Amino acid sequence: MRDAADPLLPWLRALEARHLADLTFPEVRRALQALSSLYVERRGKLSQGAAFDGAGKRAAFALYYGPLHFLLVREIVRVLGAARGTPRTIVDLGCGTAAAGAAWALESGGRARVVGIDRNGWALEEARRTAHDLGLDATFRRGDAVEVPLEGAGVGIVAAFCVNELDGPARDRLREKLLGAARAGSSVLVVEPIARRPVPWWGGWSEAFLASGGRDDSWRFRLDLPELLAKFDRAAGLDHRELTARSLWMG
């Protein structure tokens, strides 16, 4: 995080300049606390777009959770060696602000084209800004992650923090599409939080990925957060000095 060449740092400066232009730090801090509570206690509302409900929450997501997801996915991609072979395209399902797809693309040398899909118009506009600020070739469109045609060889597919928001039938359809894409030569990465509450669907997904030659991992990364993230972390009473997640991978 202290490397002046790290593309995360100028991106964070651009985010700070844009999102704190009309909101104060305390306003975004309060929104971040509300957003954190939503993730922990009321996850059922996430599928209804509650994370982007209001300017404060949108700013908190863009300034805090987006960069955290970038850091987390970047570490996972590095450990898995997911950048080997340099995917020509990275499809980011339920892309949000495109943090996951951008992290994978940059680890692949920045040459992969990012294609992001999301149902939320604000998230898509923020994703376009992410790609621009990070110097990535990208296109984004509104759509349902479950309905997107998935290509074969040479494609990386990431579904980060979105599968748990789907209902059961949609989640089952997506699992089969991802496994089919992997069999056709795509690399597939699924990332979700290490939940305090049971996630009933994870076991079935894990079994399916393992049976097809994939892997199931739990991650804990201790990182020095960039100054802005550390400041929000302290102010909101959070602690993300250790980033955690679980993932499924076929590549």
Protein backbone atom coordinates (compact mmCIF):
# COMPACT_ATOMS: atom_id res chain seq x y z
CA MET A 1 0.00 0.00 0.00
CA ARG A 2 2.98 2.32 0.46
CA ASP A 3 4.23 1.85 -3.10
CA ALA A 4 3.82 5.14 -4.97
CA ALA A 5 3.24 3.12 -8.17
CA ASP A 6 0.24 1.30 -6.70
CA PRO A 7 -2.73 2.25 -8.94
CA LEU A 8 -5.03 2.01 -5.92
CA LEU A 9 -3.68 5.26 -4.49
CA PRO A 10 -4.54 7.69 -7.32
CA TRP A 11 -7.90 5.94 -7.66
CA LEU A 12 -8.56 6.58 -3.95
CA ARG A 13 -7.62 10.24 -4.38
CA ALA A 14 -10.08 10.55 -7.26
CA LEU A 15 -12.80 8.87 -5.21
CA GLU A 16 -12.15 11.16 -2.25
CA ALA A 17 -12.25 14.30 -4.38
CA ARG A 18 -15.51 13.31 -6.04
CA HIS A 19 -17.49 11.84 -3.16
CA LEU A 20 -16.42 14.28 -0.48
CA ALA A 21 -17.15 17.29 -2.67
CA ASP A 22 -20.77 17.50 -1.50
CA LEU A 23 -20.67 15.40 1.68
CA THR A 24 -18.68 15.87 4.85
CA PHE A 25 -16.53 13.15 6.37
CA PRO A 26 -18.92 12.75 9.37
CA GLU A 27 -21.87 12.34 6.98
CA VAL A 28 -20.12 9.56 5.08
CA ARG A 29 -18.95 8.00 8.33
CA ARG A 30 -22.54 7.77 9.59
CA ALA A 31 -23.62 6.29 6.26
CA LEU A 32 -20.79 3.77 6.47
CA GLN A 33 -22.00 2.65 9.90
CA ALA A 34 -25.51 2.20 8.51
CA LEU A 35 -24.14 0.30 5.52
CA SER A 36 -22.06 -1.95 7.77
CA SER A 37 -25.13 -2.73 9.86
CA LEU A 38 -27.02 -3.57 6.68
CA TYR A 39 -24.35 -6.08 5.64
CA VAL A 40 -24.26 -7.76 9.03
CA GLU A 41 -27.85 -7.66 10.24
CA ARG A 42 -30.13 -7.06 7.25
CA ARG A 43 -28.48 -8.76 4.29
CA GLY A 44 -31.89 -9.70 2.90
CA LYS A 45 -32.36 -6.08 1.81
CA LEU A 46 -29.22 -6.06 -0.33
CA SER A 47 -30.96 -7.72 -3.27
CA GLN A 48 -33.36 -4.75 -3.29
CA GLY A 49 -30.52 -2.28 -3.83
CA ALA A 50 -30.47 -1.04 -0.24
CA ALA A 51 -26.65 -0.64 -0.29
CA PHE A 52 -27.02 2.18 -2.81
CA ASP A 53 -30.03 3.82 -1.19
CA GLY A 54 -29.09 7.47 -0.67
CA ALA A 55 -26.07 9.63 -1.47
CA GLY A 56 -24.36 8.87 1.84
CA LYS A 57 -24.47 5.09 1.41
CA ARG A 58 -23.37 5.36 -2.20
CA ALA A 59 -20.39 7.47 -1.18
CA ALA A 60 -19.54 5.10 1.68
CA PHE A 61 -19.67 2.10 -0.63
CA ALA A 62 -17.53 3.77 -3.29
CA LEU A 63 -14.98 5.20 -0.86
CA TYR A 64 -14.69 2.27 1.54
CA TYR A 65 -16.14 -1.07 0.48
CA GLY A 66 -15.13 -0.77 -3.17
CA PRO A 67 -11.43 -0.28 -2.37
CA LEU A 68 -11.58 -2.99 0.34
CA HIS A 69 -12.99 -5.43 -2.23
CA PHE A 70 -10.25 -4.39 -4.65
CA LEU A 71 -7.55 -5.12 -2.07
CA LEU A 72 -9.10 -8.43 -1.10
CA VAL A 73 -9.62 -9.74 -4.63
CA ARG A 74 -6.15 -8.61 -5.64
CA GLU A 75 -4.61 -10.67 -2.84
CA ILE A 76 -6.72 -13.71 -3.74
CA VAL A 77 -5.79 -13.42 -7.42
CA ARG A 78 -2.11 -13.20 -6.50
CA VAL A 79 -2.15 -16.27 -4.28
CA LEU A 80 -4.19 -18.34 -6.73
CA GLY A 81 -2.01 -17.31 -9.65
CA ALA A 82 -5.18 -16.32 -11.49
CA ALA A 83 -3.28 -13.81 -13.64
CA ARG A 84 -1.23 -16.56 -15.28
CA GLY A 85 -2.12 -16.86 -18.93
CA THR A 86 -3.49 -13.28 -18.93
CA PRO A 87 -7.22 -13.63 -19.63
CA ARG A 88 -8.20 -11.60 -22.69
CA THR A 89 -11.53 -10.68 -21.07
CA ILE A 90 -12.69 -10.53 -17.46
CA VAL A 91 -16.44 -10.73 -16.94
CA ASP A 92 -17.46 -9.14 -13.64
CA LEU A 93 -20.90 -10.42 -12.64
CA GLY A 94 -22.87 -8.16 -10.30
CA CYS A 95 -19.93 -5.81 -10.73
CA GLY A 96 -20.96 -2.99 -8.39
CA THR A 97 -18.22 -0.38 -8.78
CA ALA A 98 -16.08 -2.93 -10.71
CA ALA A 99 -13.51 -3.30 -7.94
CA ALA A 100 -13.16 -7.09 -8.35
CA GLY A 101 -12.87 -7.09 -12.13
CA ALA A 102 -10.44 -4.18 -12.01
CA ALA A 103 -8.23 -5.90 -9.44
CA TRP A 104 -7.98 -9.05 -11.58
CA ALA A 105 -7.39 -7.07 -14.77
CA LEU A 106 -4.59 -5.01 -13.26
CA GLU A 107 -2.92 -8.14 -11.85
CA SER A 108 -3.03 -9.48 -15.40
CA GLY A 109 -0.99 -6.52 -16.59
CA GLY A 110 -3.94 -4.25 -17.39
CA ARG A 111 -4.35 -5.80 -20.83
CA ALA A 112 -7.55 -7.72 -20.16
CA ARG A 113 -10.80 -6.05 -21.15
CA VAL A 114 -13.34 -5.82 -18.33
CA VAL A 115 -17.01 -6.49 -19.06
CA GLY A 116 -19.20 -5.60 -16.09
CA ILE A 117 -22.84 -6.49 -15.52
CA ASP A 118 -25.05 -4.98 -12.83
CA ARG A 119 -28.70 -4.11 -12.34
CA ASN A 120 -28.04 -0.76 -10.65
CA GLY A 121 -27.55 2.32 -12.80
CA TRP A 122 -25.51 4.25 -10.22
CA ALA A 123 -23.16 1.29 -9.76
CA LEU A 124 -22.60 1.06 -13.53
CA GLU A 125 -21.73 4.75 -13.77
CA GLU A 126 -19.33 4.39 -10.84
CA ALA A 127 -17.83 1.31 -12.50
CA ARG A 128 -17.14 3.34 -15.64
CA ARG A 129 -15.31 5.90 -13.53
CA THR A 130 -13.32 3.12 -11.84
CA ALA A 131 -12.18 1.78 -15.21
CA HIS A 132 -11.29 5.25 -16.44
CA ASP A 133 -9.33 6.18 -13.31
CA LEU A 134 -7.42 2.89 -13.40
CA GLY A 135 -6.71 3.08 -17.14
CA LEU A 136 -8.62 -0.06 -18.07
CA ASP A 137 -10.39 -0.99 -21.29
CA ALA A 138 -13.91 -1.77 -20.12
CA THR A 139 -17.56 -1.84 -20.99
CA PHE A 140 -20.50 -2.00 -18.61
CA ARG A 141 -24.16 -2.73 -19.12
CA ARG A 142 -27.30 -3.18 -17.12
CA GLY A 143 -28.38 -6.77 -16.81
CA ASP A 144 -28.95 -9.83 -14.66
CA ALA A 145 -25.83 -11.80 -13.80
CA VAL A 146 -27.73 -15.07 -14.17
CA GLU A 147 -28.80 -14.32 -17.75
CA VAL A 148 -25.44 -13.22 -19.17
CA PRO A 149 -23.97 -15.51 -21.86
CA LEU A 150 -20.61 -16.76 -20.63
CA GLU A 151 -17.80 -17.39 -23.09
CA GLY A 152 -15.19 -20.13 -23.06
CA ALA A 153 -11.41 -20.25 -23.32
CA GLY A 154 -9.35 -17.24 -22.38
CA VAL A 155 -12.04 -15.61 -20.25
CA GLY A 156 -11.92 -14.88 -16.53
CA ILE A 157 -15.27 -14.73 -14.73
CA VAL A 158 -15.59 -13.22 -11.27
CA ALA A 159 -18.68 -13.16 -9.08
CA ALA A 160 -17.67 -11.25 -5.96
CA PHE A 161 -20.10 -10.60 -3.10
CA CYS A 162 -23.16 -11.11 -5.28
CA VAL A 163 -24.08 -14.82 -5.27
CA ASN A 164 -25.50 -14.68 -1.74
CA GLU A 165 -27.94 -11.98 -2.86
CA LEU A 166 -29.64 -14.28 -5.37
CA ASP A 167 -32.65 -16.43 -4.61
CA GLY A 168 -32.25 -20.22 -4.61
CA PRO A 169 -33.33 -21.03 -8.21
CA ALA A 170 -31.29 -18.17 -9.68
CA ARG A 171 -28.26 -19.22 -7.64
CA ASP A 172 -28.57 -22.81 -8.88
CA ARG A 173 -28.75 -21.65 -12.50
CA LEU A 174 -25.70 -19.46 -12.06
CA ARG A 175 -23.70 -22.32 -10.51
CA GLU A 176 -24.39 -24.54 -13.52
CA LYS A 177 -23.50 -21.75 -15.94
CA LEU A 178 -20.22 -21.09 -14.16
CA LEU A 179 -19.30 -24.76 -14.11
CA GLY A 180 -20.17 -25.02 -17.79
CA ALA A 181 -18.01 -22.01 -18.59
CA ALA A 182 -15.12 -23.55 -16.64
CA ARG A 183 -15.46 -26.79 -18.59
CA ALA A 184 -15.31 -24.73 -21.79
CA GLY A 185 -12.02 -23.15 -20.71
CA SER A 186 -12.93 -20.12 -18.63
CA SER A 187 -11.35 -19.35 -15.27
CA VAL A 188 -14.00 -18.84 -12.59
CA LEU A 189 -13.60 -17.05 -9.25
CA VAL A 190 -16.42 -16.75 -6.71
CA VAL A 191 -15.77 -14.60 -3.62
CA GLU A 192 -18.04 -14.21 -0.59
CA PRO A 193 -17.58 -13.04 3.00
CA ILE A 194 -16.72 -15.48 5.76
CA ALA A 195 -20.20 -15.16 7.22
CA ARG A 196 -20.97 -15.30 10.90
CA ARG A 197 -24.28 -16.88 10.04
CA PRO A 198 -24.54 -20.17 8.13
CA VAL A 199 -24.62 -19.89 4.33
CA PRO A 200 -26.61 -23.02 3.39
CA TRP A 201 -25.81 -22.89 -0.32
CA TRP A 202 -22.02 -22.77 0.04
CA GLY A 203 -21.61 -26.48 0.77
CA GLY A 204 -23.36 -27.50 -2.44
CA TRP A 205 -21.34 -25.05 -4.49
CA SER A 206 -18.12 -26.21 -2.85
CA GLU A 207 -18.88 -29.86 -3.58
CA ALA A 208 -19.65 -29.06 -7.20
CA PHE A 209 -16.46 -27.05 -7.70
CA LEU A 210 -14.28 -29.63 -5.95
CA ALA A 211 -15.83 -32.47 -7.96
CA SER A 212 -14.94 -30.57 -11.13
CA GLY A 213 -11.32 -30.05 -10.09
CA GLY A 214 -11.68 -26.67 -8.43
CA ARG A 215 -10.76 -25.49 -4.95
CA ASP A 216 -12.43 -23.96 -1.91
CA ASP A 217 -10.37 -21.55 0.22
CA SER A 218 -10.78 -19.34 3.26
CA TRP A 219 -8.54 -16.28 3.38
CA ARG A 220 -7.12 -13.95 6.01
CA PHE A 221 -4.84 -11.16 4.83
CA ARG A 222 -3.23 -8.67 7.20
CA LEU A 223 -2.66 -5.45 5.27
CA ASP A 224 -1.69 -1.86 6.01
CA LEU A 225 -4.78 -0.01 4.82
CA PRO A 226 -4.33 3.19 2.81
CA GLU A 227 -4.76 6.28 4.97
CA LEU A 228 -8.31 7.11 3.84
CA LEU A 229 -9.59 3.58 4.50
CA ALA A 230 -7.85 3.42 7.87
CA LYS A 231 -9.40 6.77 8.82
CA PHE A 232 -12.91 5.57 7.96
CA ASP A 233 -12.20 2.28 9.72
CA ARG A 234 -11.36 4.02 12.98
CA ALA A 235 -14.11 6.63 12.76
CA ALA A 236 -16.84 4.06 12.08
CA GLY A 237 -15.66 1.69 14.80
CA LEU A 238 -14.72 -1.02 12.30
CA ASP A 239 -11.58 -3.12 12.03
CA HIS A 240 -10.41 -4.26 8.61
CA ARG A 241 -6.71 -4.54 9.30
CA GLU A 242 -7.34 -8.20 8.53
CA LEU A 243 -9.35 -8.82 5.36
CA THR A 244 -11.24 -12.11 5.24
CA ALA A 245 -13.17 -13.97 2.57
CA ARG A 246 -13.86 -17.39 1.16
CA SER A 247 -13.57 -18.30 -2.47
CA LEU A 248 -14.21 -20.97 -5.04
CA TRP A 249 -11.80 -21.21 -7.96
CA MET A 250 -11.51 -23.16 -11.18
CA GLY A 251 -8.74 -22.14 -13.52
